Amino acid sequence: MTRPAAGAGAAAAVEPPSLSVVICAYTLERWDAIVRAVQSLRAQEPAPLEVLLVSDHNEDLLARARAELTDVVSMPNTGVRGLSGARNTGVAAARGEVVAFLDDDAAAEPGWTAELLSPYTDPAVIGVGGHVAPDWQAPRPEWFPDEFLWVVGCSYEGQPTTRADVRNPIGANMSFRRAVFLDAGPFDPAVGRIGKDAGGCEETEFAIRAARSVPKARVVLEPRARVRHTVTPDRVTRAYFRRRCRAEGRAKAVVSGLSGAGAALETERDYVRRTLPRGVLRGLRRALRGDLAGAATAATIVEGAVLTAAAYGTTRVRLARRRPAT
């Protein structure tokens, strides 16, 4: 990255780093969404150096991408099946100084690349994430609280609304310096989604490990770097909400085993102590004013917290029993 010469003054410009964008895909069912994701990148300024589409062990998807998305570098996942393996394949092939990850069912809004790259003028910044807004494909249920928008992969109540340091970005809209992967290693296949399962947290584990590998490293949330994330009808059901909460608890337990509970739950402790109680109280106040949807959201917050915590606890116990005695 070019830096101003000594004494050059404030007028000297700092060139943004080059950017590779990785889109990981696994099914032709999302083909239209994949095309929208690619189209959203074509109009970006500055333009990405390259767009890499990684097909997760789906030969039909790979063939169609190579035939129809001719301005995209399409490749097979050469690692283990799953999102972590696919992302690692993209990182290994990327040439940009920064590698960004855009979900296959998300679309970048205008100005995304410029806002995402802006914090990298600070050499201490190793990763930058942005805001993920839901694009509801079915009516949003009245019981669905803002505090649990992470269930559908979106930014949620309690996150910073202006640029701030964070532990990790949301996986649908994140980036890291490519050099960090040389220091910290790849995404860990022990965590992360495989196909349609509801797992995750590979970005959490990686961001913790990356920050530990670089002295005084910063991971930044820049909310002005916005993407819209498709929320399909199957994701606005109670069954999906509950399944996703349990999966999050299990994934956080795995990350705690890999990274230590202190780092793995640093953000979650504040979320549970501050954000969730405020959400419950806000819902109850609405209910007292006659808005029954407020009571529903308050009850959902409690249910989601209990399901996630219970899954975390039971998984930690199970992992502890598997650990060999020393």
Protein backbone atom coordinates (compact mmCIF):
# COMPACT_ATOMS: atom_id res chain seq x y z
CA MET A 1 0.00 0.00 0.00
CA THR A 2 1.38 3.43 -0.94
CA ARG A 3 2.01 5.81 1.96
CA PRO A 4 2.60 9.60 1.84
CA ALA A 5 6.23 10.64 1.72
CA ALA A 6 7.60 12.24 4.88
CA GLY A 7 6.58 15.90 5.07
CA ALA A 8 4.17 15.58 2.17
CA GLY A 9 1.32 17.01 4.26
CA ALA A 10 -2.38 16.29 4.34
CA ALA A 11 -2.76 16.78 0.58
CA ALA A 12 -0.88 13.59 -0.20
CA ALA A 13 -3.27 10.81 -1.19
CA VAL A 14 -3.12 7.28 0.09
CA GLU A 15 -4.05 4.82 -2.62
CA PRO A 16 -6.56 2.16 -1.60
CA PRO A 17 -5.25 -1.41 -1.62
CA SER A 18 -6.22 -3.71 -4.46
CA LEU A 19 -9.28 -5.86 -3.78
CA SER A 20 -10.24 -9.42 -4.62
CA VAL A 21 -13.86 -10.39 -3.94
CA VAL A 22 -14.66 -14.03 -3.19
CA ILE A 23 -18.19 -15.41 -3.60
CA CYS A 24 -18.69 -18.97 -2.33
CA ALA A 25 -21.64 -20.90 -3.74
CA TYR A 26 -22.90 -24.44 -3.39
CA THR A 27 -26.24 -24.79 -5.20
CA LEU A 28 -27.88 -23.84 -8.50
CA GLU A 29 -31.03 -23.05 -6.51
CA ARG A 30 -29.40 -19.69 -5.79
CA TRP A 31 -28.34 -18.99 -9.37
CA ASP A 32 -30.38 -15.80 -9.74
CA ALA A 33 -29.00 -14.51 -6.44
CA ILE A 34 -25.45 -15.36 -7.54
CA VAL A 35 -25.97 -13.35 -10.73
CA ARG A 36 -27.27 -10.39 -8.68
CA ALA A 37 -24.20 -10.58 -6.43
CA VAL A 38 -21.88 -10.47 -9.44
CA GLN A 39 -23.86 -7.66 -11.07
CA SER A 40 -23.62 -5.59 -7.89
CA LEU A 41 -19.84 -5.75 -8.15
CA ARG A 42 -19.59 -4.68 -11.78
CA ALA A 43 -20.61 -1.09 -11.03
CA GLN A 44 -18.37 -0.61 -7.98
CA GLU A 45 -15.83 2.21 -7.85
CA PRO A 46 -13.04 1.41 -7.34
CA ALA A 47 -13.61 -1.78 -9.27
CA PRO A 48 -12.37 -4.99 -7.71
CA LEU A 49 -9.15 -6.33 -9.16
CA GLU A 50 -11.02 -9.63 -9.64
CA VAL A 51 -14.14 -11.51 -8.63
CA LEU A 52 -13.60 -15.15 -7.68
CA LEU A 53 -16.56 -17.56 -7.60
CA VAL A 54 -15.83 -20.77 -5.70
CA SER A 55 -18.17 -23.69 -6.35
CA ASP A 56 -18.39 -25.95 -3.30
CA HIS A 57 -18.15 -29.39 -4.90
CA ASN A 58 -20.94 -28.74 -7.41
CA GLU A 59 -19.81 -29.47 -10.98
CA ASP A 60 -23.05 -28.26 -12.60
CA LEU A 61 -22.81 -24.92 -10.82
CA LEU A 62 -19.16 -24.55 -11.82
CA ALA A 63 -19.90 -25.32 -15.47
CA ARG A 64 -22.74 -22.80 -15.65
CA ALA A 65 -20.69 -20.11 -13.93
CA ARG A 66 -17.81 -20.59 -16.38
CA ALA A 67 -20.20 -20.46 -19.32
CA GLU A 68 -22.31 -17.46 -18.31
CA LEU A 69 -20.20 -15.34 -15.92
CA THR A 70 -17.28 -14.86 -18.27
CA ASP A 71 -15.87 -11.85 -16.41
CA VAL A 72 -15.60 -13.88 -13.21
CA VAL A 73 -12.85 -16.34 -12.26
CA SER A 74 -14.81 -19.50 -11.44
CA MET A 75 -13.10 -22.40 -9.70
CA PRO A 76 -13.88 -25.53 -7.69
CA ASN A 77 -13.40 -25.76 -3.95
CA THR A 78 -10.14 -27.70 -3.65
CA GLY A 79 -10.51 -28.15 0.10
CA VAL A 80 -12.99 -29.97 2.28
CA ARG A 81 -16.65 -29.41 1.55
CA GLY A 82 -18.12 -26.41 3.33
CA LEU A 83 -17.85 -22.65 3.55
CA SER A 84 -14.47 -22.61 5.30
CA GLY A 85 -12.89 -24.82 2.63
CA ALA A 86 -14.42 -22.74 -0.17
CA ARG A 87 -13.20 -19.49 1.36
CA ASN A 88 -9.72 -20.92 1.77
CA THR A 89 -9.71 -21.85 -1.92
CA GLY A 90 -10.63 -18.28 -2.83
CA VAL A 91 -7.95 -16.81 -0.60
CA ALA A 92 -5.29 -19.08 -2.10
CA ALA A 93 -6.19 -17.91 -5.61
CA ALA A 94 -6.65 -14.21 -4.82
CA ARG A 95 -4.17 -11.61 -6.02
CA GLY A 96 -5.51 -8.52 -4.25
CA GLU A 97 -3.95 -6.99 -1.16
CA VAL A 98 -7.36 -7.26 0.51
CA VAL A 99 -9.71 -10.23 0.14
CA ALA A 100 -13.42 -9.50 0.63
CA PHE A 101 -16.15 -12.11 1.06
CA LEU A 102 -19.66 -11.51 -0.27
CA ASP A 103 -22.35 -14.14 0.31
CA ASP A 104 -23.83 -15.75 -2.78
CA ASP A 105 -27.28 -14.44 -1.77
CA ALA A 106 -26.14 -10.89 -1.00
CA ALA A 107 -25.73 -7.83 -3.22
CA ALA A 108 -23.33 -4.95 -2.58
CA GLU A 109 -24.83 -1.48 -2.57
CA PRO A 110 -23.19 1.39 -4.52
CA GLY A 111 -20.00 2.60 -2.86
CA TRP A 112 -19.37 -0.70 -1.10
CA THR A 113 -15.77 -1.19 -2.21
CA ALA A 114 -14.77 2.40 -1.42
CA GLU A 115 -16.24 2.27 2.09
CA LEU A 116 -14.88 -1.22 2.79
CA LEU A 117 -11.36 -0.21 1.76
CA SER A 118 -11.33 3.17 3.49
CA PRO A 119 -10.24 1.94 6.97
CA TYR A 120 -7.24 0.15 5.46
CA THR A 121 -5.39 3.45 5.28
CA ASP A 122 -4.48 2.57 8.87
CA PRO A 123 -1.76 -0.12 8.68
CA ALA A 124 -3.01 -1.58 11.99
CA VAL A 125 -6.35 -2.51 10.43
CA ILE A 126 -6.27 -6.17 9.36
CA GLY A 127 -9.97 -6.65 8.69
CA VAL A 128 -13.05 -4.63 7.82
CA GLY A 129 -16.71 -5.60 7.79
CA GLY A 130 -19.84 -3.72 6.84
CA HIS A 131 -23.57 -3.48 7.43
CA VAL A 132 -25.80 -6.34 6.28
CA ALA A 133 -29.41 -5.29 5.68
CA PRO A 134 -32.17 -7.91 5.29
CA ASP A 135 -33.89 -8.20 1.91
CA TRP A 136 -37.11 -9.91 3.00
CA GLN A 137 -38.57 -12.23 0.37
CA ALA A 138 -41.58 -12.90 2.62
CA PRO A 139 -43.31 -10.65 5.16
CA ARG A 140 -41.23 -10.20 8.28
CA PRO A 141 -43.01 -11.88 11.22
CA GLU A 142 -44.16 -9.51 13.95
CA TRP A 143 -42.43 -11.70 16.54
CA PHE A 144 -38.99 -11.38 14.91
CA PRO A 145 -36.83 -9.05 17.06
CA ASP A 146 -34.09 -6.77 15.72
CA GLU A 147 -31.79 -8.25 18.36
CA PHE A 148 -31.89 -11.61 16.54
CA LEU A 149 -31.37 -10.50 12.95
CA TRP A 150 -28.08 -12.42 13.12
CA VAL A 151 -30.28 -15.51 12.81
CA VAL A 152 -30.78 -14.57 9.13
CA GLY A 153 -27.18 -13.41 8.67
CA CYS A 154 -27.82 -9.69 9.04
CA SER A 155 -26.70 -6.81 11.24
CA TYR A 156 -28.60 -6.72 14.51
CA GLU A 157 -29.56 -4.38 17.35
CA GLY A 158 -26.59 -3.79 19.62
CA GLN A 159 -23.94 -3.52 16.93
CA PRO A 160 -22.13 -0.18 16.41
CA THR A 161 -23.87 2.21 14.02
CA THR A 162 -20.73 4.22 13.25
CA ARG A 163 -17.19 3.05 12.46
CA ALA A 164 -15.82 1.14 15.44
CA ASP A 165 -13.44 -1.63 16.40
CA VAL A 166 -15.10 -5.04 16.73
CA ARG A 167 -14.04 -8.59 17.47
CA ASN A 168 -15.23 -9.92 14.12
CA PRO A 169 -17.37 -8.88 11.15
CA ILE A 170 -20.45 -10.65 9.81
CA GLY A 171 -19.44 -13.27 7.25
CA ALA A 172 -21.80 -12.03 4.52
CA ASN A 173 -19.87 -8.76 4.26
CA MET A 174 -16.28 -8.90 5.45
CA SER A 175 -12.70 -8.51 4.32
CA PHE A 176 -9.16 -9.15 5.53
CA ARG A 177 -5.69 -8.29 4.33
CA ARG A 178 -4.44 -11.23 2.31
CA ALA A 179 -1.12 -11.16 4.19
CA VAL A 180 -2.98 -11.93 7.44
CA PHE A 181 -3.79 -15.40 6.16
CA LEU A 182 -0.06 -16.06 5.85
CA ASP A 183 0.41 -15.12 9.51
CA ALA A 184 -2.74 -16.63 11.01
CA GLY A 185 -3.45 -19.53 8.69
CA PRO A 186 -6.72 -20.32 6.86
CA PHE A 187 -10.31 -20.56 8.05
CA ASP A 188 -10.74 -23.61 10.27
CA PRO A 189 -12.95 -26.30 8.66
CA ALA A 190 -13.94 -27.41 12.17
CA VAL A 191 -16.38 -24.48 12.15
CA GLY A 192 -18.50 -23.01 9.37
CA ARG A 193 -21.52 -23.95 7.32
CA ILE A 194 -21.76 -26.99 5.10
CA GLY A 195 -24.51 -26.71 2.50
CA LYS A 196 -27.83 -25.75 4.06
CA ASP A 197 -26.91 -26.48 7.67
CA ALA A 198 -27.32 -23.69 10.18
CA GLY A 199 -23.78 -23.66 11.56
CA GLY A 200 -21.32 -20.81 11.39
CA CYS A 201 -18.80 -18.80 13.42
CA GLU A 202 -15.79 -19.51 11.20
CA GLU A 203 -15.29 -15.75 10.82
CA THR A 204 -15.31 -15.37 14.63
CA GLU A 205 -12.63 -17.98 15.17
CA PHE A 206 -10.49 -16.63 12.33
CA ALA A 207 -10.76 -12.99 13.42
CA ILE A 208 -9.68 -13.89 16.97
CA ARG A 209 -6.74 -15.90 15.69
CA ALA A 210 -5.77 -13.22 13.16
CA ALA A 211 -5.80 -10.45 15.77
CA ARG A 212 -3.55 -12.55 18.00
CA SER A 213 -1.08 -13.10 15.17
CA VAL A 214 -0.50 -9.39 14.45
CA PRO A 215 0.60 -7.00 17.24
CA LYS A 216 -1.88 -4.15 17.88
CA ALA A 217 -4.17 -5.44 15.12
CA ARG A 218 -7.57 -3.85 14.59
CA VAL A 219 -10.74 -5.29 13.07
CA VAL A 220 -13.15 -2.54 12.09
CA LEU A 221 -16.87 -2.31 11.37
CA GLU A 222 -17.67 0.33 8.75
CA PRO A 223 -21.49 0.49 8.58
CA ARG A 224 -21.41 2.59 5.40
CA ALA A 225 -20.12 -0.45 3.50
CA ARG A 226 -23.57 -1.93 2.94
CA VAL A 227 -24.90 -5.09 1.37
CA ARG A 228 -28.42 -6.48 1.14
CA HIS A 229 -28.81 -10.10 2.20
CA THR A 230 -31.67 -12.17 0.82
CA VAL A 231 -33.95 -13.65 3.49
CA THR A 232 -35.99 -16.42 1.91
CA PRO A 233 -39.42 -17.54 3.22
CA ASP A 234 -37.98 -20.67 4.83
CA ARG A 235 -35.85 -18.48 7.10
CA VAL A 236 -38.72 -16.54 8.65
CA THR A 237 -40.29 -19.54 10.38
CA ARG A 238 -40.18 -20.42 14.06
CA ALA A 239 -38.57 -23.74 13.19
CA TYR A 240 -35.65 -22.05 11.41
CA PHE A 241 -35.25 -19.49 14.19
CA ARG A 242 -34.95 -22.23 16.79
CA ARG A 243 -32.64 -24.36 14.65
CA ARG A 244 -30.37 -21.40 13.97
CA CYS A 245 -30.18 -20.44 17.66
CA ARG A 246 -29.20 -23.98 18.64
CA ALA A 247 -26.62 -24.11 15.84
CA GLU A 248 -25.12 -20.81 16.97
CA GLY A 249 -24.78 -22.10 20.51
CA ARG A 250 -23.05 -25.26 19.32
CA ALA A 251 -20.71 -23.30 17.03
CA LYS A 252 -19.77 -20.86 19.80
CA ALA A 253 -18.92 -23.81 22.02
CA VAL A 254 -16.54 -25.13 19.37
CA VAL A 255 -14.95 -21.69 18.97
CA SER A 256 -14.57 -21.46 22.76
CA GLY A 257 -12.66 -24.73 22.69
CA LEU A 258 -10.39 -23.46 19.91
CA SER A 259 -9.89 -19.85 21.01
CA GLY A 260 -10.77 -19.80 24.73
CA ALA A 261 -14.11 -18.79 26.22
CA GLY A 262 -12.86 -15.30 27.10
CA ALA A 263 -12.28 -14.28 23.49
CA ALA A 264 -15.06 -16.38 22.00
CA LEU A 265 -17.74 -14.84 24.25
CA GLU A 266 -16.40 -11.31 24.71
CA THR A 267 -19.01 -9.73 22.44
CA GLU A 268 -21.79 -12.08 23.53
CA ARG A 269 -21.46 -11.17 27.22
CA ASP A 270 -22.24 -7.52 26.52
CA TYR A 271 -25.03 -8.57 24.16
CA VAL A 272 -26.66 -10.75 26.85
CA ARG A 273 -26.17 -8.24 29.67
CA ARG A 274 -27.21 -5.10 27.84
CA THR A 275 -28.80 -5.59 24.42
CA LEU A 276 -31.19 -8.42 25.20
CA PRO A 277 -32.63 -6.96 28.45
CA ARG A 278 -33.24 -3.65 26.68
CA GLY A 279 -35.02 -5.51 23.90
CA VAL A 280 -37.24 -7.37 26.34
CA LEU A 281 -38.15 -4.17 28.19
CA ARG A 282 -38.87 -2.37 24.93
CA GLY A 283 -41.19 -5.19 23.87
CA LEU A 284 -43.00 -5.22 27.21
CA ARG A 285 -43.54 -1.46 27.06
CA ARG A 286 -45.10 -1.86 23.63
CA ALA A 287 -47.34 -4.59 25.02
CA LEU A 288 -48.47 -2.32 27.86
CA ARG A 289 -49.50 0.24 25.24
CA GLY A 290 -51.67 -2.39 23.59
CA ASP A 291 -49.23 -3.57 20.91
CA LEU A 292 -49.32 -7.36 21.31
CA ALA A 293 -46.42 -7.74 18.85
CA GLY A 294 -44.23 -6.23 21.57
CA ALA A 295 -45.01 -9.13 23.88
CA ALA A 296 -44.23 -11.58 21.06
CA THR A 297 -40.82 -10.04 20.39
CA ALA A 298 -39.98 -10.00 24.10
CA ALA A 299 -40.89 -13.67 24.41
CA THR A 300 -38.84 -14.50 21.31
CA ILE A 301 -35.77 -12.76 22.73
CA VAL A 302 -36.03 -14.86 25.89
CA GLU A 303 -36.59 -18.05 23.90
CA GLY A 304 -33.67 -17.37 21.57
CA ALA A 305 -31.31 -16.62 24.45
CA VAL A 306 -32.31 -19.80 26.31
CA LEU A 307 -31.99 -22.02 23.23
CA THR A 308 -28.57 -20.61 22.32
CA ALA A 309 -27.22 -20.82 25.86
CA ALA A 310 -28.53 -24.36 26.35
CA ALA A 311 -26.95 -25.56 23.11
CA TYR A 312 -23.68 -23.88 24.08
CA GLY A 313 -23.66 -25.52 27.50
CA THR A 314 -24.52 -29.03 26.33
CA THR A 315 -21.94 -28.85 23.54
CA ARG A 316 -19.22 -27.70 25.94
CA VAL A 317 -20.00 -30.65 28.21
CA ARG A 318 -19.93 -33.07 25.30
CA LEU A 319 -16.61 -31.71 24.02
CA ALA A 320 -15.12 -31.91 27.50
CA ARG A 321 -16.07 -35.57 27.78
CA ARG A 322 -14.36 -36.26 24.44
CA ARG A 323 -11.14 -34.56 25.52
CA PRO A 324 -8.48 -37.16 26.32
CA ALA A 325 -7.33 -37.31 29.93
CA THR A 326 -3.84 -35.95 30.61
